[in-house]
PDB file of N, CA and C in Angstrom:
ATOM      1  N   UNK A   1     -16.396   6.664  12.527  1.00  0.00           N
ATOM      2  CA  UNK A   1     -17.102   5.946  11.676  1.00  0.00           C
ATOM      3  C   UNK A   1     -17.288   5.017  11.713  1.00  0.00           C
ATOM      4  N   UNK A   2     -18.271   4.614  11.053  1.00  0.00           N
ATOM      5  CA  UNK A   2     -18.522   3.004  10.805  1.00  0.00           C
ATOM      6  C   UNK A   2     -17.794   2.044   9.713  1.00  0.00           C
ATOM      7  N   UNK A   3     -17.679   1.082   9.679  1.00  0.00           N
ATOM      8  CA  UNK A   3     -16.938   0.229   8.512  1.00  0.00           C
ATOM      9  C   UNK A   3     -17.076   0.515   7.521  1.00  0.00           C
ATOM     10  N   UNK A   4     -18.423   0.615   7.100  1.00  0.00           N
ATOM     11  CA  UNK A   4     -19.263   1.212   6.064  1.00  0.00           C
ATOM     12  C   UNK A   4     -18.777   2.410   5.377  1.00  0.00           C
ATOM     13  N   UNK A   5     -18.811   3.164   6.281  1.00  0.00           N
ATOM     14  CA  UNK A   5     -18.323   4.510   5.793  1.00  0.00           C
ATOM     15  C   UNK A   5     -16.927   4.763   5.456  1.00  0.00           C
ATOM     16  N   UNK A   6     -16.155   3.544   6.068  1.00  0.00           N
ATOM     17  CA  UNK A   6     -14.367   3.596   5.761  1.00  0.00           C
ATOM     18  C   UNK A   6     -14.381   3.035   4.496  1.00  0.00           C
ATOM     19  N   UNK A   7     -15.140   1.775   4.251  1.00  0.00           N
ATOM     20  CA  UNK A   7     -15.188   1.047   3.111  1.00  0.00           C
ATOM     21  C   UNK A   7     -15.150   2.088   2.238  1.00  0.00           C
ATOM     22  N   UNK A   8     -16.188   2.817   2.153  1.00  0.00           N
ATOM     23  CA  UNK A   8     -17.095   3.813   1.134  1.00  0.00           C
ATOM     24  C   UNK A   8     -15.616   4.790   0.922  1.00  0.00           C
ATOM     25  N   UNK A   9     -15.162   5.335   1.870  1.00  0.00           N
ATOM     26  CA  UNK A   9     -13.795   6.512   1.827  1.00  0.00           C
ATOM     27  C   UNK A   9     -12.754   6.125   1.222  1.00  0.00           C
ATOM     28  N   UNK A  10     -12.447   4.851   1.713  1.00  0.00           N
ATOM     29  CA  UNK A  10     -11.165   4.207   1.124  1.00  0.00           C
ATOM     30  C   UNK A  10     -11.157   3.266   0.048  1.00  0.00           C
ATOM     31  N   UNK A  11     -12.476   3.186  -0.219  1.00  0.00           N
ATOM     32  CA  UNK A  11     -12.600   2.466  -1.756  1.00  0.00           C
ATOM     33  C   UNK A  11     -12.261   1.030  -1.269  1.00  0.00           C
ATOM     34  N   UNK A  12     -12.186   0.231  -0.054  1.00  0.00           N
ATOM     35  CA  UNK A  12     -11.951  -1.171   0.277  1.00  0.00           C
ATOM     36  C   UNK A  12     -13.184  -1.996   0.826  1.00  0.00           C
ATOM     37  N   UNK A  13     -13.306  -3.070   0.674  1.00  0.00           N
ATOM     38  CA  UNK A  13     -14.160  -3.481   1.219  1.00  0.00           C
ATOM     39  C   UNK A  13     -14.255  -4.113   2.566  1.00  0.00           C
ATOM     40  N   UNK A  14     -15.734  -3.890   3.138  1.00  0.00           N
ATOM     41  CA  UNK A  14     -15.900  -4.232   4.496  1.00  0.00           C
ATOM     42  C   UNK A  14     -14.897  -5.890   5.110  1.00  0.00           C
ATOM     43  N   UNK A  15     -15.217  -6.624   3.697  1.00  0.00           N
ATOM     44  CA  UNK A  15     -14.386  -7.679   4.527  1.00  0.00           C
ATOM     45  C   UNK A  15     -12.913  -7.719   4.321  1.00  0.00           C
ATOM     46  N   UNK A  16     -12.377  -6.918   3.244  1.00  0.00           N
ATOM     47  CA  UNK A  16     -10.864  -6.635   3.516  1.00  0.00           C
ATOM     48  C   UNK A  16     -10.298  -5.525   4.762  1.00  0.00           C
ATOM     49  N   UNK A  17     -11.301  -4.832   4.822  1.00  0.00           N
ATOM     50  CA  UNK A  17     -10.820  -3.866   6.392  1.00  0.00           C
ATOM     51  C   UNK A  17     -10.805  -4.970   7.789  1.00  0.00           C
ATOM     52  N   UNK A  18     -11.975  -5.744   7.638  1.00  0.00           N
ATOM     53  CA  UNK A  18     -11.900  -7.167   8.888  1.00  0.00           C
ATOM     54  C   UNK A  18     -10.509  -7.897   8.834  1.00  0.00           C
ATOM     55  N   UNK A  19     -10.303  -8.238   7.664  1.00  0.00           N
ATOM     56  CA  UNK A  19      -9.279  -9.257   7.101  1.00  0.00           C
ATOM     57  C   UNK A  19      -7.703  -8.374   7.693  1.00  0.00           C
ATOM     58  N   UNK A  20      -7.908  -6.862   7.137  1.00  0.00           N
ATOM     59  CA  UNK A  20      -6.474  -6.148   7.684  1.00  0.00           C
ATOM     60  C   UNK A  20      -6.461  -6.237   9.137  1.00  0.00           C
ATOM     61  N   UNK A  21      -7.460  -6.114   9.721  1.00  0.00           N
ATOM     62  CA  UNK A  21      -7.862  -5.848  11.313  1.00  0.00           C
ATOM     63  C   UNK A  21      -7.423  -7.511  11.989  1.00  0.00           C
ATOM     64  N   UNK A  22      -7.942  -8.592  11.306  1.00  0.00           N
ATOM     65  CA  UNK A  22      -7.722  -9.812  11.926  1.00  0.00           C
ATOM     66  C   UNK A  22      -6.235 -10.060  11.968  1.00  0.00           C
ATOM     67  N   UNK A  23      -5.264 -10.074  10.613  1.00  0.00           N
ATOM     68  CA  UNK A  23      -3.862 -10.229  10.294  1.00  0.00           C
ATOM     69  C   UNK A  23      -3.025  -9.253  11.313  1.00  0.00           C
ATOM     70  N   UNK A  24      -3.379  -7.965  11.764  1.00  0.00           N
ATOM     71  CA  UNK A  24      -2.777  -7.483  12.031  1.00  0.00           C
ATOM     72  C   UNK A  24      -1.996  -6.586  11.363  1.00  0.00           C
ATOM     73  N   UNK A  25      -2.509  -6.289  10.359  1.00  0.00           N
ATOM     74  CA  UNK A  25      -2.400  -5.009   9.282  1.00  0.00           C
ATOM     75  C   UNK A  25      -2.458  -3.958   9.613  1.00  0.00           C
ATOM     76  N   UNK A  26      -3.843  -3.543  10.534  1.00  0.00           N
ATOM     77  CA  UNK A  26      -3.936  -2.194  10.971  1.00  0.00           C
ATOM     78  C   UNK A  26      -4.428  -2.846  12.373  1.00  0.00           C
ATOM     79  N   UNK A  27      -4.001  -1.969  13.385  1.00  0.00           N
ATOM     80  CA  UNK A  27      -4.006  -2.331  14.453  1.00  0.00           C
ATOM     81  C   UNK A  27      -5.891  -2.197  15.268  1.00  0.00           C
ATOM     82  N   UNK A  28      -6.023  -2.895  16.007  1.00  0.00           N
ATOM     83  CA  UNK A  28      -7.635  -3.151  16.523  1.00  0.00           C
ATOM     84  C   UNK A  28      -8.306  -1.679  16.538  1.00  0.00           C
ATOM     85  N   UNK A  29      -9.535  -1.910  15.789  1.00  0.00           N
ATOM     86  CA  UNK A  29      -9.975  -0.846  15.554  1.00  0.00           C
ATOM     87  C   UNK A  29     -11.117  -0.424  17.086  1.00  0.00           C
ATOM     88  N   UNK A  30     -10.883   0.841  17.373  1.00  0.00           N
ATOM     89  CA  UNK A  30     -11.849   1.134  18.877  1.00  0.00           C
ATOM     90  C   UNK A  30     -13.152   0.328  18.490  1.00  0.00           C
ATOM     91  N   UNK A  31     -14.116  -0.028  19.407  1.00  0.00           N
ATOM     92  CA  UNK A  31     -15.320  -0.298  18.989  1.00  0.00           C
ATOM     93  C   UNK A  31     -16.330   0.226  20.402  1.00  0.00           C
ATOM     94  N   UNK A  32     -17.662   0.521  19.891  1.00  0.00           N
ATOM     95  CA  UNK A  32     -18.857   0.889  20.813  1.00  0.00           C
ATOM     96  C   UNK A  32     -19.000   0.107  21.733  1.00  0.00           C
ATOM     97  N   UNK A  33     -19.817   0.370  22.465  1.00  0.00           N
ATOM     98  CA  UNK A  33     -20.414  -0.520  23.827  1.00  0.00           C
ATOM     99  C   UNK A  33     -20.891  -1.571  23.234  1.00  0.00           C
ATOM    100  N   UNK A  34     -21.697  -1.620  21.943  1.00  0.00           N
ATOM    101  CA  UNK A  34     -22.351  -2.704  21.106  1.00  0.00           C
ATOM    102  C   UNK A  34     -21.517  -3.749  20.618  1.00  0.00           C
ATOM    103  N   UNK A  35     -20.345  -2.916  20.415  1.00  0.00           N
ATOM    104  CA  UNK A  35     -19.296  -4.110  19.695  1.00  0.00           C
ATOM    105  C   UNK A  35     -19.070  -3.698  18.257  1.00  0.00           C
ATOM    106  N   UNK A  36     -19.821  -2.574  18.052  1.00  0.00           N
ATOM    107  CA  UNK A  36     -19.483  -2.469  16.354  1.00  0.00           C
ATOM    108  C   UNK A  36     -18.494  -1.489  16.314  1.00  0.00           C
ATOM    109  N   UNK A  37     -17.397  -1.393  15.464  1.00  0.00           N
ATOM    110  CA  UNK A  37     -16.252  -0.598  14.883  1.00  0.00           C
ATOM    111  C   UNK A  37     -16.159   0.571  14.717  1.00  0.00           C
ATOM    112  N   UNK A  38     -15.595   1.248  15.603  1.00  0.00           N
ATOM    113  CA  UNK A  38     -15.836   2.793  15.119  1.00  0.00           C
ATOM    114  C   UNK A  38     -14.291   3.323  15.017  1.00  0.00           C
ATOM    115  N   UNK A  39     -14.111   3.318  13.407  1.00  0.00           N
ATOM    116  CA  UNK A  39     -13.231   3.733  13.077  1.00  0.00           C
ATOM    117  C   UNK A  39     -12.788   5.317  13.645  1.00  0.00           C
ATOM    118  N   UNK A  40     -11.820   5.917  14.213  1.00  0.00           N
ATOM    119  CA  UNK A  40     -11.198   7.102  14.520  1.00  0.00           C
ATOM    120  C   UNK A  40     -10.394   7.639  13.550  1.00  0.00           C
ATOM    121  N   UNK A  41      -9.633   8.678  13.856  1.00  0.00           N
ATOM    122  CA  UNK A  41      -8.637   9.244  13.162  1.00  0.00           C
ATOM    123  C   UNK A  41      -7.470   8.554  12.685  1.00  0.00           C
ATOM    124  N   UNK A  42      -6.802   8.086  14.282  1.00  0.00           N
ATOM    125  CA  UNK A  42      -5.881   7.126  14.276  1.00  0.00           C
ATOM    126  C   UNK A  42      -6.319   5.796  13.124  1.00  0.00           C
ATOM    127  N   UNK A  43      -7.400   5.014  13.435  1.00  0.00           N
ATOM    128  CA  UNK A  43      -7.504   3.968  12.637  1.00  0.00           C
ATOM    129  C   UNK A  43      -7.854   4.709  11.547  1.00  0.00           C
ATOM    130  N   UNK A  44      -8.292   5.282  10.952  1.00  0.00           N
ATOM    131  CA  UNK A  44      -8.309   5.887   9.492  1.00  0.00           C
ATOM    132  C   UNK A  44      -7.266   6.260   8.776  1.00  0.00           C
ATOM    133  N   UNK A  45      -6.214   6.985   9.366  1.00  0.00           N
ATOM    134  CA  UNK A  45      -4.491   6.879   9.094  1.00  0.00           C
ATOM    135  C   UNK A  45      -4.057   5.585   8.757  1.00  0.00           C
ATOM    136  N   UNK A  46      -4.184   4.489   9.639  1.00  0.00           N
ATOM    137  CA  UNK A  46      -3.494   3.212   9.292  1.00  0.00           C
ATOM    138  C   UNK A  46      -4.213   2.876   8.262  1.00  0.00           C
ATOM    139  N   UNK A  47      -5.706   2.632   7.870  1.00  0.00           N
ATOM    140  CA  UNK A  47      -5.933   2.418   6.845  1.00  0.00           C
ATOM    141  C   UNK A  47      -5.441   2.888   5.198  1.00  0.00           C
ATOM    142  N   UNK A  48      -5.290   4.553   5.601  1.00  0.00           N
ATOM    143  CA  UNK A  48      -4.696   4.782   4.439  1.00  0.00           C
ATOM    144  C   UNK A  48      -3.365   4.784   4.023  1.00  0.00           C
ATOM    145  N   UNK A  49      -2.636   4.650   5.315  1.00  0.00           N
ATOM    146  CA  UNK A  49      -1.339   4.191   4.977  1.00  0.00           C
ATOM    147  C   UNK A  49      -1.113   2.798   4.598  1.00  0.00           C
ATOM    148  N   UNK A  50      -1.878   1.411   5.314  1.00  0.00           N
ATOM    149  CA  UNK A  50      -1.966   0.132   4.559  1.00  0.00           C
ATOM    150  C   UNK A  50      -2.339   0.414   3.178  1.00  0.00           C
ATOM    151  N   UNK A  51      -3.218   1.122   2.403  1.00  0.00           N
ATOM    152  CA  UNK A  51      -3.738   1.025   1.573  1.00  0.00           C
ATOM    153  C   UNK A  51      -2.833   1.509   0.238  1.00  0.00           C
ATOM    154  N   UNK A  52      -1.647   2.555   1.005  1.00  0.00           N
ATOM    155  CA  UNK A  52      -1.156   3.170  -0.025  1.00  0.00           C
ATOM    156  C   UNK A  52      -0.008   1.947  -0.484  1.00  0.00           C
ATOM    157  N   UNK A  53       0.402   1.481   1.091  1.00  0.00           N
ATOM    158  CA  UNK A  53       1.946   0.692   0.648  1.00  0.00           C
ATOM    159  C   UNK A  53       1.264  -0.355   0.260  1.00  0.00           C
ATOM    160  N   UNK A  54      -0.212  -0.844   0.133  1.00  0.00           N
ATOM    161  CA  UNK A  54      -0.210  -2.144  -0.577  1.00  0.00           C
ATOM    162  C   UNK A  54      -0.316  -1.615  -1.885  1.00  0.00           C
ATOM    163  N   UNK A  55      -1.051  -0.338  -2.410  1.00  0.00           N
ATOM    164  CA  UNK A  55      -1.110  -0.575  -3.659  1.00  0.00           C
ATOM    165  C   UNK A  55       0.280  -0.284  -4.262  1.00  0.00           C
ATOM    166  N   UNK A  56       1.640  -0.193  -3.546  1.00  0.00           N
ATOM    167  CA  UNK A  56       2.756   0.589  -3.878  1.00  0.00           C
ATOM    168  C   UNK A  56       3.508  -1.042  -4.382  1.00  0.00           C
ATOM    169  N   UNK A  57       2.831  -2.310  -3.655  1.00  0.00           N
ATOM    170  CA  UNK A  57       3.281  -3.217  -3.643  1.00  0.00           C
ATOM    171  C   UNK A  57       4.353  -3.738  -2.296  1.00  0.00           C
ATOM    172  N   UNK A  58       4.255  -3.114  -1.166  1.00  0.00           N
ATOM    173  CA  UNK A  58       4.607  -3.400  -0.407  1.00  0.00           C
ATOM    174  C   UNK A  58       4.302  -4.709   0.312  1.00  0.00           C
ATOM    175  N   UNK A  59       5.120  -5.520   0.746  1.00  0.00           N
ATOM    176  CA  UNK A  59       4.865  -6.970   1.432  1.00  0.00           C
ATOM    177  C   UNK A  59       3.934  -6.874   2.233  1.00  0.00           C
ATOM    178  N   UNK A  60       2.643  -7.730   2.766  1.00  0.00           N
ATOM    179  CA  UNK A  60       1.980  -7.808   3.953  1.00  0.00           C
ATOM    180  C   UNK A  60       2.962  -8.273   5.023  1.00  0.00           C
ATOM    181  N   UNK A  61       3.835  -9.065   4.657  1.00  0.00           N
ATOM    182  CA  UNK A  61       4.289  -9.280   5.755  1.00  0.00           C
ATOM    183  C   UNK A  61       5.237  -8.130   6.678  1.00  0.00           C
ATOM    184  N   UNK A  62       5.890  -7.581   5.951  1.00  0.00           N
ATOM    185  CA  UNK A  62       6.653  -6.455   6.228  1.00  0.00           C
ATOM    186  C   UNK A  62       5.631  -5.534   6.870  1.00  0.00           C
ATOM    187  N   UNK A  63       4.457  -5.214   6.621  1.00  0.00           N
ATOM    188  CA  UNK A  63       3.732  -4.484   7.364  1.00  0.00           C
ATOM    189  C   UNK A  63       3.235  -4.918   8.252  1.00  0.00           C
ATOM    190  N   UNK A  64       3.032  -6.121   8.675  1.00  0.00           N
ATOM    191  CA  UNK A  64       2.603  -6.539   9.785  1.00  0.00           C
ATOM    192  C   UNK A  64       3.654  -6.385  10.852  1.00  0.00           C
ATOM    193  N   UNK A  65       4.605  -7.116  10.406  1.00  0.00           N
ATOM    194  CA  UNK A  65       5.929  -6.840  11.379  1.00  0.00           C
ATOM    195  C   UNK A  65       6.086  -4.956  11.698  1.00  0.00           C
ATOM    196  N   UNK A  66       6.081  -4.372  10.710  1.00  0.00           N
ATOM    197  CA  UNK A  66       5.985  -2.577  11.221  1.00  0.00           C
ATOM    198  C   UNK A  66       4.893  -2.204  12.021  1.00  0.00           C
ATOM    199  N   UNK A  67       3.842  -2.740  11.514  1.00  0.00           N
ATOM    200  CA  UNK A  67       2.419  -2.439  12.743  1.00  0.00           C
ATOM    201  C   UNK A  67       2.716  -2.994  14.432  1.00  0.00           C
ATOM    202  N   UNK A  68       2.774  -4.222  14.268  1.00  0.00           N
ATOM    203  CA  UNK A  68       3.338  -4.906  15.509  1.00  0.00           C
ATOM    204  C   UNK A  68       4.473  -4.219  16.324  1.00  0.00           C
ATOM    205  N   UNK A  69       5.705  -3.824  15.761  1.00  0.00           N
ATOM    206  CA  UNK A  69       6.328  -3.031  16.569  1.00  0.00           C
ATOM    207  C   UNK A  69       6.100  -1.393  16.845  1.00  0.00           C
ATOM    208  N   UNK A  70       5.068  -1.191  16.149  1.00  0.00           N
ATOM    209  CA  UNK A  70       4.752   0.320  16.196  1.00  0.00           C
ATOM    210  C   UNK A  70       3.635   0.130  17.172  1.00  0.00           C
ATOM    211  N   UNK A  71       2.954  -0.825  17.597  1.00  0.00           N
ATOM    212  CA  UNK A  71       1.910  -0.992  18.440  1.00  0.00           C
ATOM    213  C   UNK A  71       2.749  -1.200  19.949  1.00  0.00           C
ATOM    214  N   UNK A  72       3.844  -2.061  19.908  1.00  0.00           N
ATOM    215  CA  UNK A  72       4.613  -2.240  20.894  1.00  0.00           C
ATOM    216  C   UNK A  72       5.724  -1.129  21.536  1.00  0.00           C
ATOM    217  N   UNK A  73       5.478  -0.034  20.578  1.00  0.00           N
ATOM    218  CA  UNK A  73       6.244   1.108  20.767  1.00  0.00           C
ATOM    219  C   UNK A  73       7.859   0.718  20.852  1.00  0.00           C
ATOM    220  N   UNK A  74       8.292  -0.461  20.165  1.00  0.00           N
ATOM    221  CA  UNK A  74       9.514  -0.779  20.381  1.00  0.00           C
ATOM    222  C   UNK A  74      10.281  -1.163  19.082  1.00  0.00           C
ATOM    223  N   UNK A  75      11.508  -1.189  18.762  1.00  0.00           N
ATOM    224  CA  UNK A  75      12.235  -1.408  17.398  1.00  0.00           C
ATOM    225  C   UNK A  75      12.206  -0.567  16.480  1.00  0.00           C
ATOM    226  N   UNK A  76      12.853   0.853  17.033  1.00  0.00           N
ATOM    227  CA  UNK A  76      12.787   1.827  16.142  1.00  0.00           C
ATOM    228  C   UNK A  76      13.816   1.530  14.943  1.00  0.00           C
ATOM    229  N   UNK A  77      14.778   0.847  15.284  1.00  0.00           N
ATOM    230  CA  UNK A  77      15.771   0.537  14.399  1.00  0.00           C
ATOM    231  C   UNK A  77      15.288  -0.298  12.943  1.00  0.00           C
ATOM    232  N   UNK A  78      14.374  -1.202  13.570  1.00  0.00           N
ATOM    233  CA  UNK A  78      13.601  -2.402  12.660  1.00  0.00           C
ATOM    234  C   UNK A  78      12.991  -1.506  11.841  1.00  0.00           C
ATOM    235  N   UNK A  79      12.103  -0.891  12.528  1.00  0.00           N
ATOM    236  CA  UNK A  79      10.757  -0.013  11.901  1.00  0.00           C
ATOM    237  C   UNK A  79      11.649   0.855  10.918  1.00  0.00           C
ATOM    238  N   UNK A  80      12.480   1.457  10.684  1.00  0.00           N
ATOM    239  CA  UNK A  80      13.218   2.239  10.161  1.00  0.00           C
ATOM    240  C   UNK A  80      13.766   1.083   8.664  1.00  0.00           C
ATOM    241  N   UNK A  81      14.542   0.162   9.114  1.00  0.00           N
ATOM    242  CA  UNK A  81      14.780  -0.712   8.213  1.00  0.00           C
ATOM    243  C   UNK A  81      13.886  -1.560   7.315  1.00  0.00           C
ATOM    244  N   UNK A  82      12.632  -1.623   7.876  1.00  0.00           N
ATOM    245  CA  UNK A  82      11.369  -2.065   7.455  1.00  0.00           C
ATOM    246  C   UNK A  82      11.369  -1.046   5.883  1.00  0.00           C
ATOM    247  N   UNK A  83      10.942   0.126   6.271  1.00  0.00           N
ATOM    248  CA  UNK A  83      10.869   1.119   5.507  1.00  0.00           C
ATOM    249  C   UNK A  83      12.039   1.419   4.293  1.00  0.00           C
ATOM    250  N   UNK A  84      13.212   1.203   5.168  1.00  0.00           N
ATOM    251  CA  UNK A  84      14.078   1.403   3.971  1.00  0.00           C
ATOM    252  C   UNK A  84      14.432   0.267   2.761  1.00  0.00           C
ATOM    253  N   UNK A  85      14.016  -1.234   3.237  1.00  0.00           N
ATOM    254  CA  UNK A  85      13.874  -2.155   2.689  1.00  0.00           C
ATOM    255  C   UNK A  85      13.124  -1.706   1.222  1.00  0.00           C
ATOM    256  N   UNK A  86      11.704  -1.656   1.815  1.00  0.00           N
ATOM    257  CA  UNK A  86      10.862  -1.582   0.806  1.00  0.00           C
ATOM    258  C   UNK A  86      10.758  -0.585   0.418  1.00  0.00           C
ATOM    259  N   UNK A  87      11.446   0.698   0.422  1.00  0.00           N
ATOM    260  CA  UNK A  87      11.732   1.960  -0.544  1.00  0.00           C
ATOM    261  C   UNK A  87      12.535   1.283  -1.465  1.00  0.00           C
ATOM    262  N   UNK A  88      13.819   0.514  -0.928  1.00  0.00           N
ATOM    263  CA  UNK A  88      14.627   0.217  -2.062  1.00  0.00           C
ATOM    264  C   UNK A  88      14.335  -1.083  -3.109  1.00  0.00           C
ATOM    265  N   UNK A  89      13.136  -1.601  -2.837  1.00  0.00           N
ATOM    266  CA  UNK A  89      12.561  -2.564  -3.507  1.00  0.00           C
ATOM    267  C   UNK A  89      11.624  -1.812  -4.661  1.00  0.00           C
ATOM    268  N   UNK A  90      10.913  -0.747  -3.929  1.00  0.00           N
ATOM    269  CA  UNK A  90      10.092   0.095  -5.096  1.00  0.00           C
ATOM    270  C   UNK A  90      11.145   0.682  -5.926  1.00  0.00           C
ATOM    271  N   UNK A  91      12.339   1.310  -5.472  1.00  0.00           N
ATOM    272  CA  UNK A  91      13.160   2.210  -6.406  1.00  0.00           C
ATOM    273  C   UNK A  91      13.418   1.317  -7.534  1.00  0.00           C
ATOM    274  N   UNK A  92      13.827   0.141  -6.970  1.00  0.00           N
ATOM    275  CA  UNK A  92      14.244  -1.149  -8.135  1.00  0.00           C
ATOM    276  C   UNK A  92      13.255  -1.175  -9.221  1.00  0.00           C
ATOM    277  N   UNK A  93      11.946  -1.383  -8.867  1.00  0.00           N
ATOM    278  CA  UNK A  93      10.625  -1.746  -9.475  1.00  0.00           C
ATOM    279  C   UNK A  93      10.779  -0.335 -10.384  1.00  0.00           C
ATOM    280  N   UNK A  94      10.556   0.931  -9.905  1.00  0.00           N
ATOM    281  CA  UNK A  94      10.458   2.194 -10.613  1.00  0.00           C
ATOM    282  C   UNK A  94      11.560   2.178 -11.813  1.00  0.00           C
ATOM    283  N   UNK A  95      12.711   1.779 -11.300  1.00  0.00           N
ATOM    284  CA  UNK A  95      13.767   1.790 -12.480  1.00  0.00           C
ATOM    285  C   UNK A  95      13.613   0.897 -13.873  1.00  0.00           C
ATOM    286  N   UNK A  96      13.217  -0.305 -13.125  1.00  0.00           N
ATOM    287  CA  UNK A  96      12.981  -1.261 -14.071  1.00  0.00           C
ATOM    288  C   UNK A  96      11.733  -0.894 -14.916  1.00  0.00           C
ATOM    289  N   UNK A  97      10.719   0.129 -14.263  1.00  0.00           N
ATOM    290  CA  UNK A  97       9.822   0.304 -15.215  1.00  0.00           C
ATOM    291  C   UNK A  97       9.882   1.440 -16.314  1.00  0.00           C
ATOM    292  N   UNK A  98      10.757   2.193 -15.586  1.00  0.00           N
ATOM    293  CA  UNK A  98      11.232   3.211 -16.347  1.00  0.00           C
ATOM    294  C   UNK A  98      12.098   2.929 -17.577  1.00  0.00           C
ATOM    295  N   UNK A  99      12.948   1.828 -17.317  1.00  0.00           N
ATOM    296  CA  UNK A  99      13.616   1.449 -18.606  1.00  0.00           C
ATOM    297  C   UNK A  99      12.882   0.569 -19.585  1.00  0.00           C
ATOM    298  N   UNK A 100      11.668   0.062 -18.994  1.00  0.00           N
ATOM    299  CA  UNK A 100      11.038  -0.607 -19.840  1.00  0.00           C
ATOM    300  C   UNK A 100      10.124   0.215 -20.684  1.00  0.00           C
ATOM    301  N   UNK A 101       9.823   1.595 -20.033  1.00  0.00           N
ATOM    302  CA  UNK A 101       8.977   2.527 -20.867  1.00  0.00           C
ATOM    303  C   UNK A 101      10.082   3.341 -21.987  1.00  0.00           C
ATOM    304  N   UNK A 102      11.365   3.601 -21.428  1.00  0.00           N
ATOM    305  CA  UNK A 102      12.116   3.494 -22.603  1.00  0.00           C
ATOM    306  C   UNK A 102      12.224   2.756 -23.887  1.00  0.00           C
ATOM    307  N   UNK A 103      12.351   1.574 -23.574  1.00  0.00           N
ATOM    308  CA  UNK A 103      12.161   0.575 -24.851  1.00  0.00           C
ATOM    309  C   UNK A 103      11.164   0.808 -25.424  1.00  0.00           C
ATOM    310  N   UNK A 104       9.964   0.922 -24.450  1.00  0.00           N
ATOM    311  CA  UNK A 104       8.648   1.154 -25.810  1.00  0.00           C
ATOM    312  C   UNK A 104       8.871   2.351 -26.372  1.00  0.00           C
ATOM    313  N   UNK A 105       9.284   3.132 -25.932  1.00  0.00           N
ATOM    314  CA  UNK A 105       9.128   4.627 -26.568  1.00  0.00           C
ATOM    315  C   UNK A 105      10.214   4.201 -28.166  1.00  0.00           C
ATOM    316  N   UNK A 106      11.202   3.921 -27.757  1.00  0.00           N
ATOM    317  CA  UNK A 106      12.028   3.383 -28.572  1.00  0.00           C
ATOM    318  C   UNK A 106      11.363   2.480 -29.767  1.00  0.00           C
ATOM    319  N   UNK A 107      10.794   1.369 -29.551  1.00  0.00           N
ATOM    320  CA  UNK A 107      10.120   0.652 -30.470  1.00  0.00           C
ATOM    321  C   UNK A 107       8.827   1.405 -31.317  1.00  0.00           C
ATOM    322  N   UNK A 108       8.047   2.254 -30.180  1.00  0.00           N
ATOM    323  CA  UNK A 108       6.923   3.334 -31.091  1.00  0.00           C
ATOM    324  C   UNK A 108       7.546   4.024 -32.485  1.00  0.00           C
ATOM    325  N   UNK A 109       8.579   4.989 -31.801  1.00  0.00           N
ATOM    326  CA  UNK A 109       9.210   5.682 -32.860  1.00  0.00           C
ATOM    327  C   UNK A 109       9.883   5.118 -33.786  1.00  0.00           C
ATOM    328  N   UNK A 110      10.522   3.792 -33.594  1.00  0.00           N
ATOM    329  CA  UNK A 110      10.697   2.860 -34.904  1.00  0.00           C
ATOM    330  C   UNK A 110       9.519   2.536 -35.698  1.00  0.00           C
ATOM    331  N   UNK A 111       8.366   2.090 -35.266  1.00  0.00           N
ATOM    332  CA  UNK A 111       7.238   2.073 -36.041  1.00  0.00           C
ATOM    333  C   UNK A 111       6.722   2.822 -36.914  1.00  0.00           C
ATOM    334  N   UNK A 112       6.776   4.498 -36.111  1.00  0.00           N
ATOM    335  CA  UNK A 112       6.729   5.764 -36.827  1.00  0.00           C
ATOM    336  C   UNK A 112       6.972   5.592 -37.920  1.00  0.00           C
ATOM    337  N   UNK A 113       8.767   5.484 -37.648  1.00  0.00           N
ATOM    338  CA  UNK A 113       9.310   5.883 -39.020  1.00  0.00           C
ATOM    339  C   UNK A 113       9.103   4.983 -40.097  1.00  0.00           C
ATOM    340  N   UNK A 114       8.906   3.336 -39.829  1.00  0.00           N
ATOM    341  CA  UNK A 114       8.484   2.952 -40.915  1.00  0.00           C
ATOM    342  C   UNK A 114       7.398   3.151 -41.561  1.00  0.00           C
ATOM    343  N   UNK A 115       6.027   3.425 -40.731  1.00  0.00           N
ATOM    344  CA  UNK A 115       4.969   3.937 -41.315  1.00  0.00           C
ATOM    345  C   UNK A 115       5.280   5.018 -42.194  1.00  0.00           C
ATOM    346  N   UNK A 116       5.995   6.110 -41.825  1.00  0.00           N
ATOM    347  CA  UNK A 116       6.162   7.261 -42.779  1.00  0.00           C
ATOM    348  C   UNK A 116       6.903   6.995 -43.976  1.00  0.00           C
ATOM    349  N   UNK A 117       7.856   5.919 -43.904  1.00  0.00           N
ATOM    350  CA  UNK A 117       8.709   5.450 -44.933  1.00  0.00           C
ATOM    351  C   UNK A 117       7.566   4.907 -46.279  1.00  0.00           C
ATOM    352  N   UNK A 118       6.526   4.359 -45.724  1.00  0.00           N
ATOM    353  CA  UNK A 118       5.677   3.654 -46.281  1.00  0.00           C
ATOM    354  C   UNK A 118       4.637   4.669 -47.182  1.00  0.00           C
ATOM    355  N   UNK A 119       4.668   5.761 -46.648  1.00  0.00           N
ATOM    356  CA  UNK A 119       3.631   6.832 -47.379  1.00  0.00           C
ATOM    357  C   UNK A 119       4.100   7.275 -48.369  1.00  0.00           C
TER     358      UNK A 119
END
């Protein structure tokens, strides 16, 4: 796939895709003889993974470290720990959001009751 096709498929700009590759967030994308990027299934898998992780708020630095270790085929324990750490951060954020939603629900109900009393 061309960079334009991947951009359309994943709803990411071509500049973002180039940036992700340049900083090591995704491994180098295979190229055709003329130098044009040729995204294969593996490269698209990395784009999908990074997009998902970034949408969840996973830090770029953690992802770069993870990708670097994957490419070197080293650091199994560290790779696992990166994912565990990021999962814990997301879990904490989710619990905070859940608590906030509960508080909002309480306040909404409070206003409903006040409005019923006015009528």
